[in-house]
N, C-alpha and C. Protein backbone atom coordinates (compact mmCIF):
# COMPACT_ATOMS: atom_id res chain seq x y z
N MET A 1 -20.88 -47.16 6.49
CA MET A 1 -19.74 -48.05 6.92
C MET A 1 -18.90 -47.20 7.89
N LEU A 2 -18.67 -45.91 7.68
CA LEU A 2 -17.87 -45.21 8.58
C LEU A 2 -18.53 -45.22 9.97
N SER A 3 -19.86 -45.14 10.16
CA SER A 3 -20.47 -45.20 11.48
C SER A 3 -20.23 -46.55 12.10
N GLY A 4 -20.23 -47.64 11.39
CA GLY A 4 -20.03 -48.91 11.96
C GLY A 4 -18.52 -48.89 12.63
N SER A 5 -17.59 -48.53 11.77
CA SER A 5 -16.22 -48.50 12.16
C SER A 5 -16.07 -47.49 13.40
N ALA A 6 -16.66 -46.33 13.34
CA ALA A 6 -16.58 -45.36 14.39
C ALA A 6 -17.09 -45.92 15.77
N TYR A 7 -18.34 -46.57 15.60
CA TYR A 7 -19.00 -47.24 16.79
C TYR A 7 -18.01 -48.32 17.43
N LEU A 8 -17.59 -49.15 16.54
CA LEU A 8 -16.69 -50.12 17.09
C LEU A 8 -15.45 -49.66 17.72
N GLY A 9 -14.87 -48.61 17.02
CA GLY A 9 -13.56 -48.10 17.55
C GLY A 9 -13.80 -47.42 18.88
N ALA A 10 -14.97 -46.70 18.95
CA ALA A 10 -15.42 -46.00 20.15
C ALA A 10 -15.59 -46.94 21.21
N ALA A 11 -16.26 -48.01 20.93
CA ALA A 11 -16.56 -49.04 22.00
C ALA A 11 -15.14 -49.57 22.61
N VAL A 12 -14.21 -50.02 21.79
CA VAL A 12 -13.00 -50.60 22.20
C VAL A 12 -12.29 -49.52 22.97
N ALA A 13 -12.32 -48.23 22.51
CA ALA A 13 -11.56 -47.19 23.25
C ALA A 13 -12.26 -46.99 24.65
N GLU A 14 -13.44 -46.93 24.71
CA GLU A 14 -14.20 -46.62 26.01
C GLU A 14 -13.85 -47.86 26.94
N ILE A 15 -14.02 -49.11 26.46
CA ILE A 15 -13.78 -50.30 27.34
C ILE A 15 -12.38 -50.20 27.85
N ALA A 16 -11.42 -50.07 26.87
CA ALA A 16 -9.99 -50.00 27.28
C ALA A 16 -9.79 -48.93 28.29
N GLY A 17 -10.26 -47.75 28.11
CA GLY A 17 -10.14 -46.62 29.01
C GLY A 17 -10.72 -46.87 30.41
N CYS A 18 -11.88 -47.44 30.41
CA CYS A 18 -12.53 -47.87 31.67
C CYS A 18 -11.76 -48.95 32.31
N PHE A 19 -11.29 -49.94 31.52
CA PHE A 19 -10.63 -51.00 32.09
C PHE A 19 -9.34 -50.52 32.78
N ALA A 20 -8.70 -49.52 32.19
CA ALA A 20 -7.38 -48.98 32.89
C ALA A 20 -7.68 -48.61 34.24
N PHE A 21 -8.80 -47.94 34.44
CA PHE A 21 -9.27 -47.57 35.82
C PHE A 21 -9.48 -48.75 36.67
N TRP A 22 -10.26 -49.72 36.17
CA TRP A 22 -10.50 -50.97 36.75
C TRP A 22 -9.35 -51.59 37.32
N ALA A 23 -8.30 -51.65 36.33
CA ALA A 23 -6.97 -52.38 36.57
C ALA A 23 -6.36 -51.56 37.78
N TRP A 24 -6.34 -50.36 37.78
CA TRP A 24 -5.69 -49.50 38.79
C TRP A 24 -6.32 -49.75 40.14
N LEU A 25 -7.72 -49.62 40.24
CA LEU A 25 -8.36 -49.55 41.47
C LEU A 25 -8.71 -51.09 41.95
N ARG A 26 -9.00 -51.98 41.05
CA ARG A 26 -9.50 -53.32 41.43
C ARG A 26 -8.38 -54.39 41.21
N LEU A 27 -7.37 -54.20 40.40
CA LEU A 27 -6.41 -55.20 40.30
C LEU A 27 -4.93 -54.78 40.66
N ASP A 28 -4.95 -53.62 41.50
CA ASP A 28 -3.71 -53.14 42.11
C ASP A 28 -2.64 -52.83 41.08
N ARG A 29 -2.97 -52.32 39.85
CA ARG A 29 -1.98 -51.99 38.94
C ARG A 29 -1.42 -50.51 39.10
N SER A 30 -0.47 -50.21 38.64
CA SER A 30 0.05 -48.89 38.77
C SER A 30 -0.79 -47.72 38.36
N ALA A 31 -0.75 -46.59 39.00
CA ALA A 31 -1.53 -45.47 38.55
C ALA A 31 -1.09 -45.05 37.12
N TRP A 32 0.06 -45.50 36.60
CA TRP A 32 0.43 -45.11 35.26
C TRP A 32 -0.56 -45.69 34.21
N TRP A 33 -1.35 -46.72 34.58
CA TRP A 33 -2.37 -47.23 33.75
C TRP A 33 -3.39 -46.23 33.32
N LEU A 34 -3.50 -45.19 34.22
CA LEU A 34 -4.37 -44.13 33.89
C LEU A 34 -4.08 -43.17 32.73
N VAL A 35 -2.81 -43.16 32.38
CA VAL A 35 -2.41 -42.25 31.26
C VAL A 35 -2.95 -42.80 29.89
N PRO A 36 -2.70 -44.03 29.64
CA PRO A 36 -3.34 -44.55 28.35
C PRO A 36 -4.82 -44.70 28.42
N GLY A 37 -5.33 -44.95 29.69
CA GLY A 37 -6.74 -44.98 29.90
C GLY A 37 -7.46 -43.72 29.48
N MET A 38 -6.90 -42.57 30.09
CA MET A 38 -7.45 -41.25 29.74
C MET A 38 -7.35 -40.88 28.22
N MET A 39 -6.29 -41.38 27.60
CA MET A 39 -6.11 -41.15 26.16
C MET A 39 -7.12 -41.89 25.38
N ALA A 40 -7.44 -43.12 25.76
CA ALA A 40 -8.40 -43.91 25.19
C ALA A 40 -9.74 -43.33 25.48
N LEU A 41 -10.02 -42.76 26.54
CA LEU A 41 -11.42 -42.28 26.79
C LEU A 41 -11.57 -40.94 25.86
N ALA A 42 -10.47 -40.25 25.71
CA ALA A 42 -10.51 -38.99 24.72
C ALA A 42 -10.73 -39.50 23.21
N LEU A 43 -10.08 -40.58 22.93
CA LEU A 43 -10.34 -41.16 21.69
C LEU A 43 -11.79 -41.63 21.49
N PHE A 44 -12.25 -42.31 22.42
CA PHE A 44 -13.74 -42.73 22.42
C PHE A 44 -14.66 -41.42 22.13
N ALA A 45 -14.44 -40.36 22.81
CA ALA A 45 -15.36 -39.28 22.71
C ALA A 45 -15.17 -38.60 21.21
N TYR A 46 -13.99 -38.63 20.78
CA TYR A 46 -13.63 -38.03 19.35
C TYR A 46 -14.44 -38.95 18.33
N LEU A 47 -14.18 -40.29 18.46
CA LEU A 47 -14.82 -41.19 17.58
C LEU A 47 -16.35 -41.14 17.50
N LEU A 48 -16.99 -40.82 18.61
CA LEU A 48 -18.43 -40.61 18.59
C LEU A 48 -18.87 -39.36 17.73
N THR A 49 -18.03 -38.45 17.60
CA THR A 49 -18.38 -37.23 16.75
C THR A 49 -18.39 -37.63 15.36
N LEU A 50 -17.74 -38.64 14.85
CA LEU A 50 -17.76 -39.15 13.61
C LEU A 50 -19.03 -39.94 13.05
N ILE A 51 -19.94 -40.13 14.00
CA ILE A 51 -21.13 -40.85 13.59
C ILE A 51 -21.96 -39.99 12.78
N GLU A 52 -22.60 -40.52 11.71
CA GLU A 52 -23.46 -39.80 10.82
C GLU A 52 -24.84 -39.89 11.31
N SER A 53 -25.27 -38.75 12.09
CA SER A 53 -26.56 -38.69 12.67
C SER A 53 -27.01 -37.27 12.78
N SER A 54 -28.24 -37.05 12.62
CA SER A 54 -28.74 -35.57 12.82
C SER A 54 -28.78 -35.11 14.27
N ALA A 55 -28.69 -36.07 15.33
CA ALA A 55 -28.94 -35.68 16.57
C ALA A 55 -27.84 -36.56 17.39
N ALA A 56 -27.12 -35.92 18.28
CA ALA A 56 -26.13 -36.50 19.14
C ALA A 56 -26.81 -37.63 20.02
N GLY A 57 -28.01 -37.27 20.58
CA GLY A 57 -28.61 -38.30 21.47
C GLY A 57 -28.85 -39.55 20.72
N ARG A 58 -29.32 -39.48 19.46
CA ARG A 58 -29.68 -40.75 18.79
C ARG A 58 -28.42 -41.45 18.46
N ALA A 59 -27.35 -40.90 18.18
CA ALA A 59 -26.05 -41.52 17.90
C ALA A 59 -25.61 -42.11 19.28
N TYR A 60 -25.79 -41.60 20.30
CA TYR A 60 -25.38 -42.12 21.49
C TYR A 60 -26.15 -43.32 22.00
N ALA A 61 -27.52 -43.16 21.76
CA ALA A 61 -28.34 -44.22 22.15
C ALA A 61 -28.00 -45.42 21.31
N ALA A 62 -27.87 -45.41 20.03
CA ALA A 62 -27.56 -46.43 19.22
C ALA A 62 -26.22 -47.09 19.56
N TYR A 63 -25.34 -46.19 20.03
CA TYR A 63 -23.93 -46.70 20.44
C TYR A 63 -24.10 -47.69 21.76
N GLY A 64 -25.10 -47.50 22.46
CA GLY A 64 -25.30 -48.33 23.61
C GLY A 64 -25.21 -49.83 23.30
N GLY A 65 -25.98 -50.14 22.17
CA GLY A 65 -26.03 -51.55 21.83
C GLY A 65 -24.67 -52.08 21.38
N VAL A 66 -24.00 -51.22 20.65
CA VAL A 66 -22.62 -51.71 20.22
C VAL A 66 -21.74 -51.77 21.46
N TYR A 67 -21.90 -50.85 22.40
CA TYR A 67 -21.01 -50.90 23.50
C TYR A 67 -21.27 -52.26 24.29
N ILE A 68 -22.57 -52.64 24.52
CA ILE A 68 -22.78 -53.90 25.21
C ILE A 68 -22.30 -55.14 24.48
N ALA A 69 -22.40 -55.13 23.32
CA ALA A 69 -21.96 -56.25 22.41
C ALA A 69 -20.42 -56.38 22.48
N THR A 70 -19.73 -55.18 22.35
CA THR A 70 -18.32 -55.17 22.39
C THR A 70 -17.75 -55.51 23.77
N SER A 71 -18.52 -55.13 24.81
CA SER A 71 -18.10 -55.52 26.19
C SER A 71 -18.18 -57.00 26.38
N ILE A 72 -19.12 -57.63 25.79
CA ILE A 72 -19.28 -59.12 25.98
C ILE A 72 -17.99 -59.76 25.17
N LEU A 73 -17.64 -59.14 24.07
CA LEU A 73 -16.46 -59.76 23.38
C LEU A 73 -15.16 -59.38 24.23
N TRP A 74 -15.05 -58.38 24.86
CA TRP A 74 -13.89 -57.95 25.69
C TRP A 74 -13.87 -58.94 26.88
N LEU A 75 -15.00 -59.17 27.45
CA LEU A 75 -15.09 -60.25 28.56
C LEU A 75 -14.45 -61.51 28.13
N TRP A 76 -14.66 -61.98 26.94
CA TRP A 76 -14.09 -63.30 26.36
C TRP A 76 -12.73 -63.12 25.87
N VAL A 77 -12.38 -62.16 24.99
CA VAL A 77 -11.05 -62.00 24.40
C VAL A 77 -9.93 -61.57 25.38
N VAL A 78 -10.32 -60.53 26.17
CA VAL A 78 -9.24 -59.85 27.14
C VAL A 78 -9.26 -60.54 28.42
N GLU A 79 -10.45 -60.71 29.00
CA GLU A 79 -10.51 -61.24 30.37
C GLU A 79 -10.47 -62.75 30.44
N GLY A 80 -10.66 -63.39 29.39
CA GLY A 80 -10.63 -64.87 29.29
C GLY A 80 -11.91 -65.54 29.95
N HIS A 81 -13.03 -64.89 30.00
CA HIS A 81 -14.20 -65.48 30.52
C HIS A 81 -15.16 -65.70 29.32
N ARG A 82 -15.56 -66.89 29.17
CA ARG A 82 -16.52 -67.24 28.03
C ARG A 82 -17.85 -66.73 28.41
N PRO A 83 -18.48 -66.04 27.42
CA PRO A 83 -19.85 -65.55 27.66
C PRO A 83 -20.91 -66.66 27.75
N ALA A 84 -21.83 -66.41 28.73
CA ALA A 84 -22.95 -67.37 28.62
C ALA A 84 -23.87 -67.14 27.62
N ARG A 85 -24.68 -68.03 27.17
CA ARG A 85 -25.73 -67.75 26.12
C ARG A 85 -26.45 -66.57 26.32
N TRP A 86 -26.86 -66.44 27.70
CA TRP A 86 -27.62 -65.16 28.10
C TRP A 86 -26.82 -63.86 27.86
N ASP A 87 -25.60 -63.87 27.95
CA ASP A 87 -24.72 -62.70 27.64
C ASP A 87 -24.94 -62.44 26.16
N ILE A 88 -24.76 -63.48 25.35
CA ILE A 88 -24.71 -63.29 23.83
C ILE A 88 -26.19 -62.97 23.46
N SER A 89 -27.22 -63.55 24.06
CA SER A 89 -28.59 -63.17 23.75
C SER A 89 -28.94 -61.83 24.01
N GLY A 90 -28.44 -61.44 25.21
CA GLY A 90 -28.74 -59.93 25.60
C GLY A 90 -28.01 -58.96 24.68
N ALA A 91 -26.77 -59.23 24.30
CA ALA A 91 -26.09 -58.45 23.40
C ALA A 91 -26.79 -58.33 22.02
N ALA A 92 -27.34 -59.50 21.53
CA ALA A 92 -28.02 -59.45 20.40
C ALA A 92 -29.40 -58.52 20.31
N VAL A 93 -29.99 -58.58 21.44
CA VAL A 93 -31.24 -57.78 21.54
C VAL A 93 -30.77 -56.31 21.62
N CYS A 94 -29.71 -56.04 22.27
CA CYS A 94 -29.22 -54.58 22.35
C CYS A 94 -28.83 -54.08 20.97
N LEU A 95 -28.17 -55.04 20.11
CA LEU A 95 -27.83 -54.49 18.74
C LEU A 95 -29.03 -54.41 17.88
N LEU A 96 -30.03 -55.29 18.18
CA LEU A 96 -31.28 -55.00 17.42
C LEU A 96 -31.97 -53.72 17.85
N GLY A 97 -31.99 -53.38 19.11
CA GLY A 97 -32.47 -52.14 19.37
C GLY A 97 -31.69 -50.88 18.90
N ALA A 98 -30.38 -51.10 18.92
CA ALA A 98 -29.45 -49.99 18.28
C ALA A 98 -29.82 -49.85 16.81
N GLY A 99 -29.96 -50.90 16.02
CA GLY A 99 -30.34 -50.76 14.67
C GLY A 99 -31.70 -50.14 14.54
N ILE A 100 -32.68 -50.41 15.25
CA ILE A 100 -34.00 -49.67 15.22
C ILE A 100 -33.76 -48.23 15.46
N VAL A 101 -33.03 -47.85 16.49
CA VAL A 101 -32.81 -46.38 16.75
C VAL A 101 -32.18 -45.71 15.62
N LEU A 102 -31.14 -46.38 15.19
CA LEU A 102 -30.28 -45.69 14.14
C LEU A 102 -30.81 -45.71 12.74
N PHE A 103 -31.61 -46.82 12.37
CA PHE A 103 -32.08 -46.85 11.02
C PHE A 103 -33.53 -46.65 10.72
N ALA A 104 -34.28 -46.53 11.79
CA ALA A 104 -35.81 -46.35 11.58
C ALA A 104 -36.03 -45.10 10.77
N PRO A 105 -37.10 -45.14 10.01
CA PRO A 105 -37.46 -44.06 9.14
C PRO A 105 -38.04 -42.89 10.01
N ARG A 106 -37.63 -41.73 9.62
CA ARG A 106 -37.94 -40.49 10.41
C ARG A 106 -38.86 -39.62 9.44
N GLY A 107 -39.87 -38.96 10.23
CA GLY A 107 -40.65 -37.98 9.50
C GLY A 107 -39.88 -36.72 9.17
N PRO A 108 -40.51 -35.85 8.31
CA PRO A 108 -39.82 -34.52 8.03
C PRO A 108 -39.57 -33.69 9.14
């Protein structure tokens, strides 16, 4: 359960941090948006260290699916754009792939 919470928290932190840069550069917001944005990106990196995995690369690969699904939720909740069924289908495929990467049996 800790991994699921860490993945979700990391995804929200990364998206929020990147969105701060997006807001500054694309939405003409103040450069002050970068301060919480950089803090969010630091939190993102920290949360990924909490993932229970024997290899960082595997944890990061599985995180990719969570990131994509959370990005689709961000699109809907924060930006107010309803996802298309293809957005949802693609996110579901990515979550399936993340589950395979994270939970597949490993040899000795």
